[in-house]
N, C-alpha and C. Protein backbone atom coordinates (compact mmCIF):
# COMPACT_ATOMS: atom_id res chain seq x y z
N MET A 1 -72.78 -23.95 18.30
CA MET A 1 -72.69 -25.33 17.90
C MET A 1 -72.17 -25.46 16.47
N ALA A 2 -72.67 -24.61 15.56
CA ALA A 2 -72.21 -24.68 14.18
C ALA A 2 -70.72 -24.41 14.09
N SER A 3 -70.21 -23.46 14.91
CA SER A 3 -68.78 -23.17 14.89
C SER A 3 -67.97 -24.37 15.37
N CYS A 4 -68.55 -25.22 16.26
CA CYS A 4 -67.85 -26.41 16.72
C CYS A 4 -67.71 -27.43 15.61
N LEU A 5 -68.65 -27.44 14.69
CA LEU A 5 -68.56 -28.38 13.58
C LEU A 5 -67.47 -27.95 12.61
N LEU A 6 -67.31 -26.65 12.43
CA LEU A 6 -66.29 -26.14 11.51
C LEU A 6 -64.91 -26.14 12.15
N MET A 7 -64.84 -25.84 13.42
CA MET A 7 -63.58 -25.80 14.14
C MET A 7 -63.59 -26.96 15.13
N SER A 8 -62.50 -27.63 15.31
CA SER A 8 -62.44 -28.80 16.19
C SER A 8 -62.59 -28.38 17.64
N CYS A 9 -63.83 -28.25 18.11
CA CYS A 9 -64.09 -27.89 19.50
C CYS A 9 -63.90 -29.12 20.36
N ASN A 10 -63.22 -28.94 21.46
CA ASN A 10 -62.96 -30.07 22.34
C ASN A 10 -64.08 -30.21 23.35
N ARG A 11 -64.77 -31.34 23.26
CA ARG A 11 -65.89 -31.58 24.16
C ARG A 11 -65.52 -32.55 25.27
N LEU A 12 -64.27 -32.92 25.38
CA LEU A 12 -63.87 -33.85 26.42
C LEU A 12 -63.70 -33.10 27.75
N PRO A 13 -64.34 -33.57 28.79
CA PRO A 13 -64.21 -32.90 30.09
C PRO A 13 -62.82 -33.13 30.69
N VAL A 14 -62.43 -32.25 31.59
CA VAL A 14 -61.21 -32.46 32.37
C VAL A 14 -61.57 -33.41 33.50
N VAL A 15 -60.94 -34.59 33.50
CA VAL A 15 -61.22 -35.60 34.51
C VAL A 15 -60.31 -35.40 35.72
N TYR A 16 -59.04 -35.15 35.46
CA TYR A 16 -58.04 -34.89 36.51
C TYR A 16 -57.08 -33.84 35.96
N ASN A 17 -56.57 -32.98 36.83
CA ASN A 17 -55.61 -31.97 36.42
C ASN A 17 -54.24 -32.33 36.99
N LEU A 18 -53.32 -32.70 36.12
CA LEU A 18 -51.96 -33.06 36.55
C LEU A 18 -50.96 -31.93 36.32
N SER A 19 -51.42 -30.81 35.78
CA SER A 19 -50.51 -29.76 35.32
C SER A 19 -49.66 -29.15 36.43
N GLU A 20 -50.10 -29.21 37.66
CA GLU A 20 -49.32 -28.64 38.76
C GLU A 20 -48.33 -29.63 39.37
N MET A 21 -48.35 -30.87 38.90
CA MET A 21 -47.43 -31.89 39.43
C MET A 21 -46.02 -31.66 38.90
N ASN A 22 -45.06 -32.20 39.62
CA ASN A 22 -43.68 -32.19 39.13
C ASN A 22 -42.95 -33.34 39.83
N TYR A 23 -42.90 -34.49 39.18
CA TYR A 23 -42.26 -35.66 39.74
C TYR A 23 -41.17 -36.15 38.80
N ILE A 24 -40.08 -36.56 39.39
CA ILE A 24 -38.96 -37.07 38.60
C ILE A 24 -39.02 -38.59 38.55
N PHE A 25 -38.94 -39.13 37.34
CA PHE A 25 -38.87 -40.56 37.09
C PHE A 25 -37.67 -40.82 36.20
N LEU A 26 -37.33 -42.08 36.02
CA LEU A 26 -36.30 -42.48 35.08
C LEU A 26 -36.98 -43.26 33.96
N ASN A 27 -36.58 -42.98 32.70
CA ASN A 27 -37.13 -43.75 31.60
C ASN A 27 -36.29 -45.00 31.37
N GLN A 28 -36.63 -45.75 30.35
CA GLN A 28 -35.96 -47.02 30.05
C GLN A 28 -34.47 -46.85 29.76
N ASP A 29 -34.03 -45.65 29.47
CA ASP A 29 -32.61 -45.39 29.23
C ASP A 29 -31.93 -44.76 30.44
N SER A 30 -32.62 -44.76 31.58
CA SER A 30 -32.15 -44.17 32.83
C SER A 30 -32.00 -42.65 32.77
N ALA A 31 -32.66 -42.03 31.81
CA ALA A 31 -32.67 -40.57 31.71
C ALA A 31 -33.78 -40.02 32.60
N GLN A 32 -33.51 -38.92 33.29
CA GLN A 32 -34.53 -38.32 34.13
C GLN A 32 -35.63 -37.70 33.29
N VAL A 33 -36.86 -37.91 33.73
CA VAL A 33 -38.03 -37.35 33.07
C VAL A 33 -38.86 -36.65 34.14
N SER A 34 -39.16 -35.39 33.93
CA SER A 34 -40.01 -34.64 34.84
C SER A 34 -41.45 -34.80 34.36
N PHE A 35 -42.27 -35.44 35.19
CA PHE A 35 -43.64 -35.71 34.80
C PHE A 35 -44.57 -34.74 35.49
N PRO A 36 -45.50 -34.12 34.77
CA PRO A 36 -45.81 -34.27 33.35
C PRO A 36 -45.17 -33.22 32.45
N SER A 37 -44.37 -32.31 33.01
CA SER A 37 -43.87 -31.18 32.21
C SER A 37 -43.03 -31.61 31.00
N ALA A 38 -42.40 -32.77 31.06
CA ALA A 38 -41.60 -33.23 29.91
C ALA A 38 -42.46 -33.45 28.68
N TYR A 39 -43.75 -33.60 28.87
CA TYR A 39 -44.65 -33.90 27.76
C TYR A 39 -45.56 -32.71 27.41
N GLU A 40 -45.26 -31.56 27.98
CA GLU A 40 -46.07 -30.37 27.71
C GLU A 40 -46.09 -30.10 26.21
N GLY A 41 -47.27 -29.81 25.71
CA GLY A 41 -47.44 -29.55 24.28
C GLY A 41 -47.73 -30.80 23.46
N LYS A 42 -47.72 -31.97 24.12
CA LYS A 42 -47.99 -33.23 23.42
C LYS A 42 -49.23 -33.89 24.01
N ILE A 43 -49.93 -34.61 23.17
CA ILE A 43 -51.00 -35.48 23.64
C ILE A 43 -50.32 -36.74 24.17
N VAL A 44 -50.73 -37.22 25.34
CA VAL A 44 -50.11 -38.38 25.97
C VAL A 44 -51.16 -39.45 26.21
N VAL A 45 -50.83 -40.68 25.84
CA VAL A 45 -51.61 -41.84 26.23
C VAL A 45 -50.77 -42.57 27.26
N MET A 46 -51.31 -42.71 28.47
CA MET A 46 -50.54 -43.26 29.58
C MET A 46 -51.17 -44.54 30.08
N SER A 47 -50.33 -45.56 30.27
CA SER A 47 -50.80 -46.84 30.80
C SER A 47 -49.99 -47.18 32.04
N PHE A 48 -50.47 -48.18 32.77
CA PHE A 48 -49.89 -48.55 34.05
C PHE A 48 -49.76 -50.07 34.09
N ILE A 49 -48.54 -50.54 34.34
CA ILE A 49 -48.26 -51.99 34.31
C ILE A 49 -47.23 -52.34 35.36
N TYR A 50 -46.95 -53.62 35.47
CA TYR A 50 -45.71 -54.09 36.08
C TYR A 50 -45.27 -55.31 35.30
N THR A 51 -43.96 -55.50 35.18
CA THR A 51 -43.42 -56.48 34.24
C THR A 51 -43.61 -57.93 34.66
N HIS A 52 -43.89 -58.18 35.92
CA HIS A 52 -44.10 -59.55 36.38
C HIS A 52 -45.58 -59.96 36.34
N CYS A 53 -46.41 -59.11 35.82
CA CYS A 53 -47.85 -59.34 35.78
C CYS A 53 -48.17 -60.53 34.88
N PRO A 54 -48.97 -61.46 35.39
CA PRO A 54 -49.29 -62.65 34.61
C PRO A 54 -50.52 -62.53 33.72
N ASP A 55 -51.24 -61.39 33.78
CA ASP A 55 -52.47 -61.36 33.00
C ASP A 55 -52.70 -60.07 32.22
N ILE A 56 -53.24 -59.00 32.80
CA ILE A 56 -53.69 -57.88 31.99
C ILE A 56 -52.60 -56.90 31.55
N CYS A 57 -51.48 -56.85 32.24
CA CYS A 57 -50.44 -55.90 31.84
C CYS A 57 -49.87 -56.19 30.45
N PRO A 58 -49.59 -57.45 30.10
CA PRO A 58 -49.15 -57.71 28.72
C PRO A 58 -50.23 -57.32 27.69
N LEU A 59 -51.51 -57.50 28.03
CA LEU A 59 -52.58 -57.09 27.13
C LEU A 59 -52.61 -55.57 26.98
N THR A 60 -52.45 -54.87 28.09
CA THR A 60 -52.42 -53.41 28.05
C THR A 60 -51.27 -52.92 27.19
N THR A 61 -50.09 -53.48 27.38
CA THR A 61 -48.93 -53.08 26.59
C THR A 61 -49.17 -53.37 25.11
N ASN A 62 -49.72 -54.53 24.81
CA ASN A 62 -50.03 -54.87 23.43
C ASN A 62 -51.03 -53.89 22.83
N ASN A 63 -52.05 -53.51 23.59
CA ASN A 63 -53.04 -52.55 23.08
C ASN A 63 -52.42 -51.18 22.84
N MET A 64 -51.51 -50.75 23.71
CA MET A 64 -50.84 -49.48 23.50
C MET A 64 -49.99 -49.53 22.22
N GLN A 65 -49.35 -50.67 22.01
CA GLN A 65 -48.53 -50.84 20.81
C GLN A 65 -49.42 -50.83 19.56
N ARG A 66 -50.56 -51.49 19.62
CA ARG A 66 -51.50 -51.48 18.49
C ARG A 66 -52.02 -50.07 18.25
N LEU A 67 -52.28 -49.32 19.32
CA LEU A 67 -52.73 -47.94 19.18
C LEU A 67 -51.65 -47.09 18.54
N GLN A 68 -50.42 -47.27 18.97
CA GLN A 68 -49.29 -46.55 18.38
C GLN A 68 -49.23 -46.82 16.87
N ASP A 69 -49.37 -48.08 16.48
CA ASP A 69 -49.35 -48.45 15.05
C ASP A 69 -50.55 -47.85 14.31
N THR A 70 -51.73 -47.90 14.93
CA THR A 70 -52.94 -47.36 14.30
C THR A 70 -52.79 -45.87 14.05
N LEU A 71 -52.32 -45.14 15.05
CA LEU A 71 -52.15 -43.70 14.90
C LEU A 71 -51.14 -43.38 13.80
N SER A 72 -50.07 -44.14 13.74
CA SER A 72 -49.05 -43.94 12.72
C SER A 72 -49.64 -44.17 11.32
N MET A 73 -50.41 -45.24 11.17
CA MET A 73 -51.04 -45.53 9.87
C MET A 73 -52.06 -44.47 9.49
N ASP A 74 -52.72 -43.86 10.48
CA ASP A 74 -53.70 -42.80 10.22
C ASP A 74 -53.05 -41.43 10.05
N GLY A 75 -51.72 -41.36 10.15
CA GLY A 75 -51.02 -40.10 9.99
C GLY A 75 -51.15 -39.17 11.18
N ILE A 76 -51.53 -39.70 12.34
CA ILE A 76 -51.66 -38.88 13.55
C ILE A 76 -50.31 -38.91 14.26
N LYS A 77 -49.70 -37.73 14.34
CA LYS A 77 -48.36 -37.63 14.92
C LYS A 77 -48.41 -36.87 16.23
N ASP A 78 -47.29 -36.78 16.86
CA ASP A 78 -47.12 -36.01 18.09
C ASP A 78 -47.95 -36.55 19.25
N VAL A 79 -48.18 -37.86 19.27
CA VAL A 79 -48.79 -38.50 20.43
C VAL A 79 -47.68 -39.25 21.15
N GLN A 80 -47.53 -38.97 22.41
CA GLN A 80 -46.50 -39.60 23.23
C GLN A 80 -47.14 -40.71 24.06
N PHE A 81 -46.50 -41.86 24.10
CA PHE A 81 -46.95 -42.96 24.95
C PHE A 81 -46.07 -43.01 26.19
N VAL A 82 -46.71 -43.19 27.33
CA VAL A 82 -45.99 -43.26 28.61
C VAL A 82 -46.56 -44.44 29.38
N THR A 83 -45.68 -45.29 29.87
CA THR A 83 -46.07 -46.40 30.71
C THR A 83 -45.36 -46.25 32.05
N LEU A 84 -46.13 -46.23 33.11
CA LEU A 84 -45.59 -46.10 34.47
C LEU A 84 -45.77 -47.43 35.19
N THR A 85 -44.71 -47.91 35.81
CA THR A 85 -44.79 -49.18 36.53
C THR A 85 -45.42 -49.02 37.91
N PHE A 86 -46.19 -50.03 38.30
CA PHE A 86 -46.70 -50.14 39.67
C PHE A 86 -45.62 -50.62 40.62
N ASP A 87 -44.54 -51.17 40.08
CA ASP A 87 -43.56 -51.93 40.87
C ASP A 87 -42.14 -51.39 40.66
N PRO A 88 -41.87 -50.16 41.14
CA PRO A 88 -40.55 -49.58 40.90
C PRO A 88 -39.41 -50.33 41.58
N ASN A 89 -39.70 -51.15 42.58
CA ASN A 89 -38.63 -51.91 43.23
C ASN A 89 -38.03 -52.95 42.29
N ARG A 90 -38.86 -53.63 41.52
CA ARG A 90 -38.35 -54.64 40.59
C ARG A 90 -38.19 -54.08 39.18
N ASP A 91 -39.05 -53.15 38.80
CA ASP A 91 -39.04 -52.63 37.42
C ASP A 91 -38.09 -51.44 37.30
N THR A 92 -36.82 -51.76 37.28
CA THR A 92 -35.79 -50.74 37.07
C THR A 92 -35.81 -50.32 35.60
N PRO A 93 -35.14 -49.23 35.25
CA PRO A 93 -35.09 -48.85 33.84
C PRO A 93 -34.60 -50.00 32.94
N HIS A 94 -33.59 -50.72 33.38
CA HIS A 94 -33.06 -51.84 32.59
C HIS A 94 -34.13 -52.92 32.37
N VAL A 95 -34.87 -53.27 33.41
CA VAL A 95 -35.92 -54.29 33.31
C VAL A 95 -37.03 -53.80 32.37
N LEU A 96 -37.42 -52.54 32.49
CA LEU A 96 -38.45 -51.98 31.62
C LEU A 96 -38.00 -51.97 30.16
N LYS A 97 -36.73 -51.65 29.94
CA LYS A 97 -36.23 -51.63 28.56
C LYS A 97 -36.24 -53.04 27.96
N GLU A 98 -35.84 -54.02 28.74
CA GLU A 98 -35.89 -55.41 28.25
C GLU A 98 -37.32 -55.84 27.97
N TYR A 99 -38.23 -55.52 28.87
CA TYR A 99 -39.65 -55.86 28.72
C TYR A 99 -40.19 -55.28 27.40
N ALA A 100 -39.87 -54.02 27.15
CA ALA A 100 -40.35 -53.36 25.93
C ALA A 100 -39.65 -53.89 24.69
N ALA A 101 -38.36 -54.13 24.79
CA ALA A 101 -37.60 -54.61 23.63
C ALA A 101 -38.08 -55.99 23.18
N ILE A 102 -38.38 -56.86 24.13
CA ILE A 102 -38.90 -58.19 23.79
C ILE A 102 -40.17 -58.07 22.97
N ARG A 103 -40.94 -57.04 23.22
CA ARG A 103 -42.21 -56.83 22.53
C ARG A 103 -42.07 -55.99 21.26
N GLY A 104 -40.86 -55.58 20.95
CA GLY A 104 -40.63 -54.79 19.73
C GLY A 104 -41.20 -53.38 19.81
N ILE A 105 -41.21 -52.80 20.99
CA ILE A 105 -41.75 -51.45 21.19
C ILE A 105 -40.88 -50.43 20.46
N ASN A 106 -41.53 -49.48 19.80
CA ASN A 106 -40.85 -48.36 19.15
C ASN A 106 -40.68 -47.26 20.21
N PHE A 107 -39.45 -47.05 20.64
CA PHE A 107 -39.19 -46.07 21.70
C PHE A 107 -39.19 -44.62 21.21
N LYS A 108 -39.36 -44.42 19.92
CA LYS A 108 -39.31 -43.06 19.37
C LYS A 108 -40.26 -42.11 20.10
N ASP A 109 -41.44 -42.62 20.42
CA ASP A 109 -42.43 -41.78 21.10
C ASP A 109 -43.07 -42.52 22.27
N TRP A 110 -42.24 -43.30 22.98
CA TRP A 110 -42.77 -44.08 24.10
C TRP A 110 -41.74 -44.14 25.21
N ASP A 111 -42.12 -43.72 26.40
CA ASP A 111 -41.28 -43.82 27.59
C ASP A 111 -41.88 -44.81 28.57
N PHE A 112 -41.03 -45.67 29.11
CA PHE A 112 -41.40 -46.54 30.22
C PHE A 112 -40.75 -45.94 31.45
N LEU A 113 -41.57 -45.58 32.45
CA LEU A 113 -41.07 -44.84 33.61
C LEU A 113 -41.08 -45.66 34.89
N SER A 114 -40.04 -45.44 35.67
CA SER A 114 -39.92 -46.01 37.01
C SER A 114 -39.35 -44.93 37.91
N GLY A 115 -39.69 -44.99 39.17
CA GLY A 115 -39.17 -43.98 40.10
C GLY A 115 -39.42 -44.40 41.52
N SER A 116 -39.33 -43.45 42.39
CA SER A 116 -39.55 -43.77 43.81
C SER A 116 -41.00 -44.19 44.03
N LYS A 117 -41.20 -44.98 45.06
CA LYS A 117 -42.57 -45.40 45.40
C LYS A 117 -43.42 -44.18 45.73
N ALA A 118 -42.86 -43.21 46.42
CA ALA A 118 -43.61 -42.01 46.79
C ALA A 118 -44.09 -41.26 45.54
N ASN A 119 -43.22 -41.05 44.56
CA ASN A 119 -43.62 -40.36 43.34
C ASN A 119 -44.64 -41.18 42.55
N THR A 120 -44.39 -42.49 42.48
CA THR A 120 -45.31 -43.37 41.76
C THR A 120 -46.69 -43.30 42.40
N ASP A 121 -46.75 -43.45 43.71
CA ASP A 121 -48.04 -43.42 44.40
C ASP A 121 -48.74 -42.07 44.23
N SER A 122 -48.00 -40.98 44.27
CA SER A 122 -48.61 -39.65 44.11
C SER A 122 -49.29 -39.52 42.76
N VAL A 123 -48.61 -39.94 41.71
CA VAL A 123 -49.20 -39.86 40.37
C VAL A 123 -50.40 -40.79 40.27
N LEU A 124 -50.22 -42.04 40.70
CA LEU A 124 -51.30 -43.02 40.57
C LEU A 124 -52.54 -42.61 41.35
N TYR A 125 -52.37 -42.19 42.58
CA TYR A 125 -53.52 -41.84 43.41
C TYR A 125 -54.21 -40.58 42.91
N SER A 126 -53.47 -39.68 42.27
CA SER A 126 -54.09 -38.45 41.78
C SER A 126 -55.02 -38.72 40.60
N ILE A 127 -54.90 -39.88 39.97
CA ILE A 127 -55.81 -40.22 38.86
C ILE A 127 -56.61 -41.49 39.16
N ASP A 128 -56.76 -41.77 40.44
CA ASP A 128 -57.58 -42.90 40.91
C ASP A 128 -57.14 -44.25 40.34
N VAL A 129 -55.85 -44.46 40.26
CA VAL A 129 -55.32 -45.78 39.90
C VAL A 129 -54.86 -46.41 41.20
N ARG A 130 -55.52 -47.49 41.58
CA ARG A 130 -55.23 -48.15 42.85
C ARG A 130 -54.57 -49.50 42.61
N TYR A 131 -53.70 -49.85 43.54
CA TYR A 131 -53.02 -51.14 43.47
C TYR A 131 -52.62 -51.55 44.87
N PHE A 132 -52.39 -52.85 45.05
CA PHE A 132 -51.84 -53.32 46.31
C PHE A 132 -51.18 -54.67 46.08
N PRO A 133 -50.12 -54.94 46.85
CA PRO A 133 -49.44 -56.23 46.71
C PRO A 133 -50.37 -57.36 47.12
N GLY A 134 -50.34 -58.43 46.36
CA GLY A 134 -51.12 -59.61 46.70
C GLY A 134 -50.31 -60.54 47.57
N ASP A 135 -50.75 -61.77 47.64
CA ASP A 135 -50.02 -62.77 48.42
C ASP A 135 -48.59 -62.90 47.92
N SER A 136 -47.72 -63.25 48.81
CA SER A 136 -46.32 -63.43 48.45
C SER A 136 -45.81 -64.76 48.98
N SER A 137 -44.72 -65.19 48.41
CA SER A 137 -44.05 -66.41 48.86
C SER A 137 -42.58 -66.28 48.50
N TYR A 138 -41.81 -67.29 48.88
CA TYR A 138 -40.39 -67.28 48.59
C TYR A 138 -40.04 -68.51 47.76
N THR A 139 -39.07 -68.32 46.85
CA THR A 139 -38.56 -69.45 46.09
C THR A 139 -37.63 -70.26 46.98
N LYS A 140 -37.19 -71.40 46.49
CA LYS A 140 -36.27 -72.24 47.25
C LYS A 140 -34.97 -71.52 47.58
N ASP A 141 -34.57 -70.59 46.70
CA ASP A 141 -33.33 -69.86 46.96
C ASP A 141 -33.56 -68.55 47.73
N GLY A 142 -34.77 -68.36 48.25
CA GLY A 142 -35.04 -67.22 49.12
C GLY A 142 -35.50 -65.95 48.42
N GLN A 143 -35.77 -66.01 47.14
CA GLN A 143 -36.23 -64.82 46.42
C GLN A 143 -37.72 -64.61 46.67
N LEU A 144 -38.09 -63.37 47.00
CA LEU A 144 -39.48 -63.02 47.24
C LEU A 144 -40.24 -62.99 45.92
N ILE A 145 -41.38 -63.66 45.88
CA ILE A 145 -42.26 -63.63 44.72
C ILE A 145 -43.57 -63.01 45.17
N TYR A 146 -44.04 -62.02 44.43
CA TYR A 146 -45.33 -61.42 44.74
C TYR A 146 -45.97 -60.91 43.46
N TYR A 147 -47.27 -60.77 43.52
CA TYR A 147 -48.03 -60.19 42.43
C TYR A 147 -48.73 -58.96 42.96
N ILE A 148 -49.20 -58.14 42.06
CA ILE A 148 -49.86 -56.90 42.44
C ILE A 148 -51.27 -56.92 41.87
N THR A 149 -52.23 -56.70 42.73
CA THR A 149 -53.61 -56.53 42.29
C THR A 149 -53.79 -55.05 41.95
N HIS A 150 -54.32 -54.77 40.78
CA HIS A 150 -54.40 -53.38 40.34
C HIS A 150 -55.58 -53.14 39.42
N ILE A 151 -55.90 -51.87 39.31
CA ILE A 151 -56.96 -51.44 38.41
C ILE A 151 -56.44 -51.49 36.97
N ASP A 152 -57.33 -51.69 36.04
CA ASP A 152 -57.01 -51.76 34.62
C ASP A 152 -57.43 -50.44 33.98
N LYS A 153 -56.47 -49.53 33.83
CA LYS A 153 -56.82 -48.19 33.37
C LYS A 153 -55.70 -47.60 32.53
N SER A 154 -56.09 -46.89 31.49
CA SER A 154 -55.19 -46.05 30.71
C SER A 154 -55.86 -44.69 30.64
N VAL A 155 -55.05 -43.65 30.46
CA VAL A 155 -55.61 -42.29 30.42
C VAL A 155 -55.08 -41.51 29.23
N LEU A 156 -55.88 -40.56 28.80
CA LEU A 156 -55.52 -39.63 27.73
C LEU A 156 -55.28 -38.27 28.36
N ILE A 157 -54.09 -37.74 28.16
CA ILE A 157 -53.70 -36.46 28.77
C ILE A 157 -53.50 -35.45 27.64
N ASP A 158 -54.09 -34.26 27.79
CA ASP A 158 -53.97 -33.25 26.74
C ASP A 158 -52.62 -32.53 26.82
N GLN A 159 -52.43 -31.59 25.93
CA GLN A 159 -51.16 -30.87 25.81
C GLN A 159 -50.83 -30.01 27.02
N ASN A 160 -51.80 -29.82 27.91
CA ASN A 160 -51.61 -28.99 29.09
C ASN A 160 -51.59 -29.77 30.39
N GLY A 161 -51.44 -31.09 30.31
CA GLY A 161 -51.34 -31.91 31.52
C GLY A 161 -52.66 -32.23 32.18
N LYS A 162 -53.74 -32.18 31.42
CA LYS A 162 -55.06 -32.49 31.98
C LYS A 162 -55.57 -33.81 31.40
N VAL A 163 -56.00 -34.70 32.29
CA VAL A 163 -56.55 -35.98 31.84
C VAL A 163 -57.93 -35.71 31.26
N ARG A 164 -58.11 -36.13 30.00
CA ARG A 164 -59.36 -35.86 29.29
C ARG A 164 -60.16 -37.12 29.00
N GLY A 165 -59.59 -38.30 29.32
CA GLY A 165 -60.33 -39.54 29.10
C GLY A 165 -59.69 -40.68 29.86
N THR A 166 -60.51 -41.64 30.27
CA THR A 166 -60.02 -42.86 30.91
C THR A 166 -60.58 -44.05 30.15
N TYR A 167 -59.80 -45.11 30.08
CA TYR A 167 -60.13 -46.27 29.25
C TYR A 167 -59.65 -47.53 29.94
N GLY A 168 -60.25 -48.64 29.61
CA GLY A 168 -59.73 -49.92 30.05
C GLY A 168 -58.46 -50.21 29.27
N GLY A 169 -57.39 -50.54 29.96
CA GLY A 169 -56.12 -50.77 29.27
C GLY A 169 -56.09 -52.07 28.51
N SER A 170 -56.61 -53.13 29.12
CA SER A 170 -56.54 -54.44 28.48
C SER A 170 -57.69 -54.68 27.50
N GLN A 171 -58.71 -53.86 27.59
CA GLN A 171 -59.85 -53.96 26.67
C GLN A 171 -60.11 -52.59 26.07
N LEU A 172 -59.10 -52.06 25.41
CA LEU A 172 -59.12 -50.70 24.89
C LEU A 172 -60.13 -50.56 23.75
N ASP A 173 -60.95 -49.54 23.83
CA ASP A 173 -61.88 -49.19 22.76
C ASP A 173 -61.13 -48.29 21.78
N PHE A 174 -60.56 -48.90 20.73
CA PHE A 174 -59.71 -48.17 19.80
C PHE A 174 -60.46 -47.04 19.10
N GLY A 175 -61.69 -47.29 18.68
CA GLY A 175 -62.46 -46.25 18.00
C GLY A 175 -62.65 -45.03 18.87
N ARG A 176 -62.98 -45.26 20.13
CA ARG A 176 -63.23 -44.14 21.04
C ARG A 176 -61.96 -43.35 21.33
N ILE A 177 -60.86 -44.04 21.62
CA ILE A 177 -59.65 -43.29 21.98
C ILE A 177 -59.08 -42.55 20.77
N VAL A 178 -59.15 -43.13 19.59
CA VAL A 178 -58.66 -42.43 18.39
C VAL A 178 -59.51 -41.19 18.16
N GLU A 179 -60.81 -41.31 18.29
CA GLU A 179 -61.70 -40.15 18.15
C GLU A 179 -61.37 -39.08 19.19
N ASP A 180 -61.13 -39.50 20.43
CA ASP A 180 -60.78 -38.55 21.49
C ASP A 180 -59.44 -37.87 21.21
N ILE A 181 -58.46 -38.63 20.73
CA ILE A 181 -57.16 -38.04 20.39
C ILE A 181 -57.34 -37.00 19.28
N LYS A 182 -58.11 -37.33 18.26
CA LYS A 182 -58.35 -36.38 17.16
C LYS A 182 -59.00 -35.10 17.66
N SER A 183 -59.86 -35.22 18.67
CA SER A 183 -60.53 -34.03 19.19
C SER A 183 -59.57 -33.11 19.93
N LEU A 184 -58.42 -33.63 20.33
CA LEU A 184 -57.43 -32.81 21.04
C LEU A 184 -56.40 -32.18 20.12
N GLU A 185 -56.34 -32.63 18.87
CA GLU A 185 -55.33 -32.11 17.93
C GLU A 185 -55.53 -30.64 17.64
């Protein structure tokens, strides 16, 4: 125990192991990203949204942005932010880039990912993120309108692709996640 006080011993349990996964997504610049291997060696804070969300997704994105700013002000570097869409059919790389740009997101260490429904579902289900389409309707010009009911979750992934913490995305406990990130450094 005394050695843990002197050396930063990691007491965070492994919640999910993603290290054996290999899924291809496209980021906001339409560049291929192999998840999670593209982030090997980095601490990752990952959130889940869709751009047409009327309630908690904008809050989640705002909290991730505030966390990014907080970490920067605290001098904590090498943390990668990743946002995966629940809605790859509508959330193309171009749509995700516009969504992030409107919010003034710093893309230096943040990827917004979209990909096939199969890859998206595999990643989401492996970390117990559930979602389903809600009621739908059509506009006068025939465009389908739908919303997605989903869980509110963000995760902390260590440098080896293991989820070490889960958090509410729209009601992020900043003190807890910053402390958890520091324990992984």
